[in-house]
Amino acid sequence: MAYETILYETRGPVALLTLNRPERLNAMNATMLRELHEAMDAAEADEHIRAIVLTGAGSGFCSGFDLKEQAAAKPSGVAEWRPLLRRDFDAIMRFWHSPKPTLAAVRGPCLAGGCELALACDITIAAADAVFGEPELRFGAGIVVMLLPWLVGPKRAKQLLLTGDDKLSAPRAEAIGLVNEVVPPGEELPRALRLAQDLSVIDAMALRQTKRAINRSYEIMGMGEALEAALDIDLQIEGEGTADKRQFMEIARREGLRAAIAWRDARFAKGG
């Protein structure tokens, strides 16, 4: 199957989806989000596909949603932000809700929306050089898919999200339950593919229903309602806009995204 921003291939009973914008650290733009839906539709409809592996081309998994695209589009107000955030949210949660098991093979940066994407997969295998984090609050943005508290607990989630930590190492991510396994760099994809092959041997109905039972446990605890409430809060943040976000985006439009990130980080260096 031919896509513009992702690669789709099959390895026997496994569908391999590769985020393919390596020049932008696989930042998710509107085209990629649409193509992820299309690829998931194809994988889920194919009775020969029993598991889905997601990875990133180049040196990293995913740097998050495409801020350069956002800076050019200049969305403003709740009415303009609502469909954009819903689009972002739904694309990520496809991997959580898929009836087939989903696995992420992560190396390098796995940040912001990219981190949420890895969290939404059922199993995450990380290279030892992978780095995780959600730095949104550092430049006045909100969290689109608030999965982190459900996986690592409120104390750790508050520290990571409120500080905007984007330097969480793979071993630390494994220790707090954010990833399943850490392997040597270069082994993350082979390991994920082997696990996917093992899963493909298990009865598909039993696998699907067991995943459904686990997800249903979280639904009973209120996860679905909580994620929607968090999305509404993010809509308020983005719709109203923050001074930090406005300045960040202005620098990005005027001097480029690299300069905006340098401005963001310099403020914290000054504050110690």
Protein backbone atom coordinates (compact mmCIF):
# COMPACT_ATOMS: atom_id res chain seq x y z
CA MET A 1 0.00 0.00 0.00
CA ALA A 2 1.32 3.44 -0.92
CA TYR A 3 1.12 6.32 1.54
CA GLU A 4 2.79 9.70 1.66
CA THR A 5 3.88 9.82 5.31
CA ILE A 6 3.89 6.21 6.49
CA LEU A 7 5.06 2.85 5.20
CA TYR A 8 2.77 -0.17 5.35
CA GLU A 9 4.08 -3.67 4.89
CA THR A 10 3.20 -7.16 6.02
CA ARG A 11 5.52 -9.66 7.62
CA GLY A 12 3.41 -12.80 7.40
CA PRO A 13 0.58 -12.32 9.93
CA VAL A 14 2.03 -9.01 11.18
CA ALA A 15 1.33 -5.55 9.79
CA LEU A 16 4.28 -3.18 10.16
CA LEU A 17 3.46 0.54 10.16
CA THR A 18 6.41 2.92 9.95
CA LEU A 19 6.05 6.65 10.57
CA ASN A 20 8.01 8.03 7.63
CA ARG A 21 8.90 11.69 8.03
CA PRO A 22 12.45 11.19 9.34
CA GLU A 23 13.50 14.72 8.36
CA ARG A 24 10.96 15.99 10.94
CA LEU A 25 11.58 13.24 13.49
CA ASN A 26 8.29 11.75 12.27
CA ALA A 27 6.18 14.65 13.53
CA MET A 28 2.51 13.85 12.99
CA ASN A 29 0.88 16.21 10.51
CA ALA A 30 -2.69 16.09 9.20
CA THR A 31 -1.74 13.74 6.37
CA MET A 32 -0.01 11.27 8.69
CA LEU A 33 -2.94 11.23 11.10
CA ARG A 34 -5.34 10.48 8.25
CA GLU A 35 -3.04 7.80 6.87
CA LEU A 36 -2.69 6.15 10.27
CA HIS A 37 -6.47 5.71 10.31
CA GLU A 38 -6.39 4.29 6.77
CA ALA A 39 -3.56 1.88 7.61
CA MET A 40 -5.33 0.72 10.78
CA ASP A 41 -8.52 0.20 8.76
CA ALA A 42 -6.56 -1.98 6.33
CA ALA A 43 -4.81 -4.00 9.05
CA GLU A 44 -7.98 -4.56 11.04
CA ALA A 45 -9.98 -5.59 7.95
CA ASP A 46 -7.33 -8.10 6.80
CA GLU A 47 -8.19 -11.47 8.35
CA HIS A 48 -4.61 -12.64 7.73
CA ILE A 49 -3.17 -9.89 9.96
CA ARG A 50 -3.08 -10.94 13.61
CA ALA A 51 -0.92 -8.18 15.18
CA ILE A 52 0.21 -4.64 14.36
CA VAL A 53 3.68 -3.19 15.00
CA LEU A 54 4.31 0.56 14.89
CA THR A 55 7.78 2.12 14.56
CA GLY A 56 9.49 5.23 13.21
CA ALA A 57 11.91 5.77 10.34
CA GLY A 58 15.30 7.38 10.90
CA SER A 59 16.79 8.29 14.26
CA GLY A 60 13.63 8.57 16.36
CA PHE A 61 10.14 7.24 16.93
CA CYS A 62 8.09 10.46 16.90
CA SER A 63 8.60 14.03 18.10
CA GLY A 64 4.87 14.65 18.54
CA PHE A 65 2.29 16.64 16.60
CA ASP A 66 3.66 18.87 13.85
CA LEU A 67 4.12 22.29 15.44
CA LYS A 68 5.44 23.76 12.21
CA GLU A 69 2.16 22.91 10.50
CA GLN A 70 0.26 24.33 13.45
CA ALA A 71 2.27 27.57 13.38
CA ALA A 72 1.44 28.03 9.69
CA ALA A 73 -2.27 27.28 10.15
CA LYS A 74 -2.67 29.59 13.18
CA PRO A 75 -5.80 27.94 14.66
CA SER A 76 -7.55 30.21 17.15
CA GLY A 77 -10.52 29.79 19.46
CA VAL A 78 -12.45 26.77 20.65
CA ALA A 79 -14.39 26.30 17.40
CA GLU A 80 -11.20 25.97 15.31
CA TRP A 81 -9.34 23.86 17.85
CA ARG A 82 -12.13 21.35 18.56
CA PRO A 83 -11.87 19.31 15.31
CA LEU A 84 -8.06 19.43 15.39
CA LEU A 85 -7.80 18.01 18.91
CA ARG A 86 -10.50 15.41 18.20
CA ARG A 87 -8.52 14.33 15.13
CA ASP A 88 -5.32 14.02 17.18
CA PHE A 89 -7.05 12.16 20.01
CA ASP A 90 -8.86 9.66 17.79
CA ALA A 91 -5.75 8.77 15.76
CA ILE A 92 -3.79 7.88 18.89
CA MET A 93 -6.61 5.97 20.56
CA ARG A 94 -7.02 3.75 17.47
CA PHE A 95 -4.08 1.76 18.83
CA TRP A 96 -5.65 1.37 22.29
CA HIS A 97 -9.05 0.35 20.94
CA SER A 98 -7.91 -1.85 18.06
CA PRO A 99 -9.30 -5.39 18.33
CA LYS A 100 -5.87 -6.65 17.30
CA PRO A 101 -2.80 -6.37 19.56
CA THR A 102 -0.64 -3.30 18.90
CA LEU A 103 3.07 -3.03 19.65
CA ALA A 104 5.39 -0.01 19.50
CA ALA A 105 9.10 -0.35 18.70
CA VAL A 106 10.73 2.85 19.96
CA ARG A 107 14.18 4.33 19.50
CA GLY A 108 15.45 7.87 19.94
CA PRO A 109 13.01 10.67 20.79
CA CYS A 110 9.47 9.62 21.74
CA LEU A 111 7.91 12.89 22.82
CA ALA A 112 4.60 14.69 23.36
CA GLY A 113 1.95 13.19 21.06
CA GLY A 114 4.52 10.60 20.01
CA CYS A 115 4.87 9.49 23.61
CA GLU A 116 1.08 9.25 23.87
CA LEU A 117 1.07 7.14 20.71
CA ALA A 118 3.56 4.68 22.23
CA LEU A 119 1.53 4.58 25.46
CA ALA A 120 -1.63 3.74 23.51
CA CYS A 121 -0.05 0.58 22.11
CA ASP A 122 -0.59 -2.62 24.08
CA ILE A 123 3.12 -3.42 24.33
CA THR A 124 6.04 -0.99 24.00
CA ILE A 125 9.59 -2.15 23.34
CA ALA A 126 12.22 0.55 23.74
CA ALA A 127 15.83 0.76 22.63
CA ALA A 128 18.21 1.68 25.43
CA ASP A 129 18.80 5.06 23.74
CA ALA A 130 15.10 5.97 23.59
CA VAL A 131 14.04 9.15 25.39
CA PHE A 132 10.48 9.79 26.53
CA GLY A 133 8.60 12.85 27.72
CA GLU A 134 5.72 15.26 27.35
CA PRO A 135 7.08 18.83 27.28
CA GLU A 136 3.81 20.54 26.29
CA LEU A 137 3.40 22.64 29.43
CA ARG A 138 6.87 24.10 28.92
CA PHE A 139 5.55 26.12 26.00
CA GLY A 140 1.98 26.68 27.16
CA ALA A 141 0.23 23.79 25.39
CA GLY A 142 -1.95 21.08 26.88
CA ILE A 143 -2.01 17.26 26.86
CA VAL A 144 -4.19 15.73 24.14
CA VAL A 145 -4.41 12.12 25.39
CA MET A 146 -4.02 11.95 29.16
CA LEU A 147 -3.00 8.28 29.32
CA LEU A 148 0.04 8.76 31.53
CA PRO A 149 -1.71 8.75 34.96
CA TRP A 150 -3.44 5.48 34.10
CA LEU A 151 -0.11 3.77 33.42
CA VAL A 152 2.31 5.26 35.96
CA GLY A 153 0.03 6.65 38.69
CA PRO A 154 -0.82 10.22 39.67
CA LYS A 155 2.37 11.15 41.53
CA ARG A 156 4.74 10.25 38.71
CA ALA A 157 2.35 11.60 36.07
CA LYS A 158 2.13 14.96 37.84
CA GLN A 159 5.90 15.26 38.09
CA LEU A 160 6.45 14.34 34.44
CA LEU A 161 3.63 16.42 33.00
CA LEU A 162 3.78 19.49 35.24
CA THR A 163 7.55 19.87 34.80
CA GLY A 164 7.38 19.06 31.08
CA ASP A 165 10.17 16.50 31.50
CA ASP A 166 11.34 15.37 28.05
CA LYS A 167 14.49 13.51 29.05
CA LEU A 168 13.08 10.35 30.63
CA SER A 169 15.50 7.53 29.86
CA ALA A 170 14.34 4.14 28.60
CA PRO A 171 15.49 2.30 31.77
CA ARG A 172 13.61 4.78 33.94
CA ALA A 173 10.55 4.51 31.67
CA GLU A 174 10.64 0.74 32.12
CA ALA A 175 11.01 1.07 35.90
CA ILE A 176 7.86 3.18 36.22
CA GLY A 177 5.77 1.04 33.87
CA LEU A 178 5.79 3.28 30.81
CA VAL A 179 7.42 0.61 28.60
CA ASN A 180 7.52 -3.18 28.77
CA GLU A 181 11.12 -3.96 27.83
CA VAL A 182 14.39 -2.19 27.09
CA VAL A 183 16.70 -3.78 24.53
CA PRO A 184 20.00 -2.77 22.89
CA PRO A 185 19.67 -0.14 20.14
CA GLY A 186 18.72 -1.81 16.89
CA GLU A 187 16.98 -4.71 18.62
CA GLU A 188 13.70 -2.90 19.37
CA LEU A 189 12.02 -3.67 16.04
CA PRO A 190 13.18 -7.31 15.78
CA ARG A 191 12.01 -7.90 19.36
CA ALA A 192 8.61 -6.30 18.69
CA LEU A 193 8.21 -8.35 15.51
CA ARG A 194 9.07 -11.58 17.36
CA LEU A 195 6.49 -10.79 20.03
CA ALA A 196 3.94 -10.00 17.34
CA GLN A 197 4.67 -13.31 15.64
CA ASP A 198 4.14 -15.11 18.97
CA LEU A 199 0.84 -13.31 19.44
CA SER A 200 -0.25 -14.33 15.95
CA VAL A 201 -0.16 -18.00 16.98
CA ILE A 202 -2.71 -17.46 19.76
CA ASP A 203 -6.37 -17.91 18.89
CA ALA A 204 -7.54 -14.59 17.44
CA MET A 205 -10.90 -14.59 19.21
CA ALA A 206 -9.35 -15.36 22.60
CA LEU A 207 -6.74 -12.66 22.08
CA ARG A 208 -9.32 -10.09 21.00
CA GLN A 209 -11.66 -10.84 23.88
CA THR A 210 -8.88 -10.83 26.48
CA LYS A 211 -7.67 -7.42 25.29
CA ARG A 212 -11.30 -6.28 25.41
CA ALA A 213 -11.59 -7.52 29.01
CA ILE A 214 -8.48 -5.62 30.09
CA ASN A 215 -9.62 -2.43 28.35
CA ARG A 216 -13.09 -2.88 29.80
CA SER A 217 -11.60 -2.92 33.31
CA TYR A 218 -10.19 0.55 32.67
CA GLU A 219 -13.49 1.69 31.19
CA ILE A 220 -15.27 0.58 34.38
CA MET A 221 -12.77 2.62 36.39
CA GLY A 222 -13.77 5.62 34.29
CA MET A 223 -10.79 5.96 31.96
CA GLY A 224 -12.84 6.77 28.86
CA GLU A 225 -14.79 9.51 30.60
CA ALA A 226 -11.60 10.86 32.19
CA LEU A 227 -9.78 11.02 28.84
CA GLU A 228 -12.70 12.89 27.28
CA ALA A 229 -12.74 15.31 30.23
CA ALA A 230 -9.00 15.87 29.86
CA LEU A 231 -9.50 16.51 26.15
CA ASP A 232 -12.12 19.14 27.02
CA ILE A 233 -9.61 20.79 29.35
CA ASP A 234 -6.98 20.77 26.61
CA LEU A 235 -9.54 22.38 24.32
CA GLN A 236 -9.95 25.17 26.88
CA ILE A 237 -6.17 25.63 27.09
CA GLU A 238 -5.66 25.75 23.33
CA GLY A 239 -8.89 27.60 22.57
CA GLU A 240 -8.17 30.38 25.04
CA GLY A 241 -4.45 30.35 24.30
CA THR A 242 -1.58 31.05 26.69
CA ALA A 243 1.02 33.79 26.59
CA ASP A 244 3.77 31.17 26.47
CA LYS A 245 2.21 29.36 23.51
CA ARG A 246 1.65 32.61 21.61
CA GLN A 247 5.28 33.65 22.06
CA PHE A 248 6.55 30.16 21.21
CA MET A 249 4.54 30.10 17.98
CA GLU A 250 5.53 33.64 17.04
CA ILE A 251 9.21 32.72 17.35
CA ALA A 252 8.57 29.54 15.37
CA ARG A 253 6.92 31.51 12.56
CA ARG A 254 9.58 34.23 12.56
CA GLU A 255 12.78 32.28 13.20
CA GLY A 256 11.87 28.60 12.88
CA LEU A 257 10.94 25.79 15.24
CA ARG A 258 14.52 25.20 16.36
CA ALA A 259 14.73 28.79 17.64
CA ALA A 260 11.39 28.43 19.43
CA ILE A 261 12.56 25.29 21.21
CA ALA A 262 15.80 27.04 22.19
CA TRP A 263 13.73 29.91 23.67
CA ARG A 264 11.60 27.41 25.58
CA ASP A 265 14.58 25.56 27.04
CA ALA A 266 16.61 28.69 27.83
CA ARG A 267 13.91 29.91 30.21
CA PHE A 268 14.30 26.80 32.35
CA ALA A 269 18.08 26.96 32.30
CA LYS A 270 17.85 30.51 33.73
CA GLY A 271 15.42 29.36 36.39
CA GLY A 272 17.68 26.56 37.51
